[in-house]
Amino acid sequence: MKTNRAMSELLAHAQTKGSPVDDDYLNFIEREGCILIKSFCSELPIGFPDTAYFDQTDCEASINHVHLESLSEGLNLVQAWENKLRFKYPAKAFVIVLKCDPDGTDVVARFFQYRESDPTWLSSDLESYKSEALLVREIT
């Protein structure tokens, strides 16, 4: 797990609660080589070229994002996604990103597959994100 300094400071004071994760966020489908949260992609066209996304990683990162009430909920979702993705897609590599404002508000979690063929979606220099606290978990 990687974090920037802002997220490390938040995690040092975070209180995790065992709140349940909404099952809708844990049901995935595979379309056009993308792993997507099923309930979020009902309006997606059948063919990937008919979408507004630059590539498959952009599609996943855009569709597979969830706005959450708290950092604690975000941490629970990150763990639930890791468990589910490892179990359901053991041969695939994923990146899970949890971001929020430095004060712990505006929490968003997202995931996408790691693909060498697509441009990187996230800078490897997490400290370059000055206005966000970031946690990145790579699942290989």
Protein backbone atom coordinates (compact mmCIF):
# COMPACT_ATOMS: atom_id res chain seq x y z
CA MET A 1 0.00 0.00 0.00
CA LYS A 2 1.27 3.45 -0.90
CA THR A 3 0.11 6.75 0.52
CA ASN A 4 1.12 10.36 0.28
CA ARG A 5 1.94 12.35 3.42
CA ALA A 6 -1.58 13.80 3.69
CA MET A 7 -3.17 10.33 3.72
CA SER A 8 -0.56 8.98 6.14
CA GLU A 9 -1.49 11.73 8.59
CA LEU A 10 -5.20 10.94 8.23
CA LEU A 11 -4.62 7.21 8.68
CA ALA A 12 -2.63 7.81 11.87
CA HIS A 13 -5.80 9.23 13.42
CA ALA A 14 -8.44 7.23 11.53
CA GLN A 15 -10.90 5.08 13.38
CA THR A 16 -12.04 2.20 11.25
CA LYS A 17 -15.52 0.93 11.82
CA GLY A 18 -16.80 -2.40 10.65
CA SER A 19 -19.62 -0.82 8.66
CA PRO A 20 -21.01 -3.07 5.94
CA VAL A 21 -20.19 -2.39 2.29
CA ASP A 22 -23.13 -1.99 -0.10
CA ASP A 23 -23.38 -5.24 -2.13
CA ASP A 24 -24.03 -3.20 -5.28
CA TYR A 25 -20.38 -2.09 -5.14
CA LEU A 26 -19.18 -5.71 -5.08
CA ASN A 27 -21.00 -7.13 -8.10
CA PHE A 28 -18.84 -6.92 -11.20
CA ILE A 29 -19.28 -7.73 -14.86
CA GLU A 30 -16.73 -8.06 -17.62
CA ARG A 31 -17.37 -6.05 -20.79
CA GLU A 32 -14.99 -5.40 -23.65
CA GLY A 33 -12.05 -6.43 -21.44
CA CYS A 34 -13.14 -4.11 -18.60
CA ILE A 35 -14.13 -5.17 -15.09
CA LEU A 36 -16.98 -2.87 -14.08
CA ILE A 37 -19.33 -2.39 -11.15
CA LYS A 38 -22.47 -3.93 -12.62
CA SER A 39 -24.99 -1.42 -11.29
CA PHE A 40 -22.97 1.52 -12.65
CA CYS A 41 -22.80 0.50 -16.29
CA SER A 42 -26.37 -0.21 -17.37
CA GLU A 43 -26.29 2.76 -19.79
CA LEU A 44 -22.91 1.88 -21.31
CA PRO A 45 -23.04 1.16 -25.07
CA ILE A 46 -22.38 -2.42 -26.15
CA GLY A 47 -19.15 -1.64 -28.04
CA PHE A 48 -16.21 0.03 -26.32
CA PRO A 49 -15.41 2.21 -29.38
CA ASP A 50 -18.86 3.82 -28.98
CA THR A 51 -17.93 5.30 -25.59
CA ALA A 52 -16.36 8.63 -24.69
CA TYR A 53 -13.46 6.94 -22.86
CA PHE A 54 -9.87 7.16 -24.10
CA ASP A 55 -9.02 3.57 -23.27
CA GLN A 56 -10.11 0.67 -21.06
CA THR A 57 -8.34 2.03 -18.00
CA ASP A 58 -10.09 5.39 -18.38
CA CYS A 59 -13.41 3.56 -18.70
CA GLU A 60 -12.86 1.52 -15.54
CA ALA A 61 -11.49 4.42 -13.49
CA SER A 62 -14.45 6.59 -14.50
CA ILE A 63 -17.22 4.05 -14.00
CA ASN A 64 -15.79 2.24 -10.98
CA HIS A 65 -15.78 5.18 -8.60
CA VAL A 66 -17.84 5.62 -5.47
CA HIS A 67 -18.39 8.77 -3.38
CA LEU A 68 -18.43 7.92 0.31
CA GLU A 69 -19.44 9.60 3.56
CA SER A 70 -16.22 8.97 5.47
CA LEU A 71 -12.65 7.79 5.26
CA SER A 72 -13.65 4.79 7.37
CA GLU A 73 -16.21 3.74 4.74
CA GLY A 74 -13.58 4.20 2.06
CA LEU A 75 -11.08 1.99 3.87
CA ASN A 76 -13.75 -0.70 4.30
CA LEU A 77 -14.60 -0.55 0.59
CA VAL A 78 -10.93 -0.75 -0.43
CA GLN A 79 -10.55 -3.92 1.66
CA ALA A 80 -13.79 -5.43 0.30
CA TRP A 81 -12.76 -4.71 -3.30
CA GLU A 82 -9.33 -6.21 -2.73
CA ASN A 83 -10.83 -9.42 -1.33
CA LYS A 84 -13.46 -9.72 -4.08
CA LEU A 85 -11.14 -8.88 -6.98
CA ARG A 86 -8.42 -11.29 -5.77
CA PHE A 87 -11.01 -14.06 -5.45
CA LYS A 88 -12.94 -13.47 -8.66
CA TYR A 89 -10.05 -12.43 -10.96
CA PRO A 90 -6.88 -14.05 -9.56
CA ALA A 91 -4.95 -13.74 -12.85
CA LYS A 92 -5.58 -10.00 -13.24
CA ALA A 93 -3.75 -7.05 -11.66
CA PHE A 94 -5.72 -4.11 -10.26
CA VAL A 95 -5.08 -0.70 -8.76
CA ILE A 96 -7.42 0.61 -6.06
CA VAL A 97 -7.27 4.32 -5.28
CA LEU A 98 -8.79 6.02 -2.25
CA LYS A 99 -8.66 9.82 -2.30
CA CYS A 100 -10.06 12.57 -0.16
CA ASP A 101 -9.40 16.15 0.78
CA PRO A 102 -6.57 16.62 3.32
CA ASP A 103 -9.19 17.13 6.05
CA GLY A 104 -10.74 13.71 5.32
CA THR A 105 -13.82 14.97 3.45
CA ASP A 106 -14.95 14.34 -0.14
CA VAL A 107 -13.94 10.66 -0.08
CA VAL A 108 -13.85 8.77 -3.39
CA ALA A 109 -12.74 5.19 -4.03
CA ARG A 110 -12.13 3.73 -7.48
CA PHE A 111 -10.43 0.77 -9.10
CA PHE A 112 -9.12 -0.21 -12.51
CA GLN A 113 -7.03 -2.96 -14.03
CA TYR A 114 -3.31 -2.46 -14.41
CA ARG A 115 -2.47 -2.53 -18.12
CA GLU A 116 0.98 -1.97 -19.57
CA SER A 117 -0.64 -1.03 -22.89
CA ASP A 118 -2.63 1.94 -21.51
CA PRO A 119 -1.12 5.21 -20.30
CA THR A 120 -0.77 5.42 -16.54
CA TRP A 121 -3.87 6.85 -14.94
CA LEU A 122 -2.11 8.00 -11.78
CA SER A 123 1.29 9.59 -11.26
CA SER A 124 3.77 7.43 -9.37
CA ASP A 125 4.74 10.56 -7.38
CA LEU A 126 1.86 10.64 -4.91
CA GLU A 127 3.32 13.74 -3.23
CA SER A 128 2.63 15.67 -6.43
CA TYR A 129 -1.07 15.60 -5.51
CA LYS A 130 -0.94 18.62 -3.22
CA SER A 131 -4.66 19.08 -2.62
CA GLU A 132 -5.55 15.41 -2.10
CA ALA A 133 -4.81 12.68 0.37
CA LEU A 134 -4.15 9.45 -1.57
CA LEU A 135 -3.93 5.76 -0.81
CA VAL A 136 -3.04 3.34 -3.60
CA ARG A 137 -3.29 -0.42 -3.26
CA GLU A 138 -1.92 -2.59 -6.05
CA ILE A 139 -3.34 -6.08 -6.37
CA THR A 140 -1.10 -8.46 -8.30
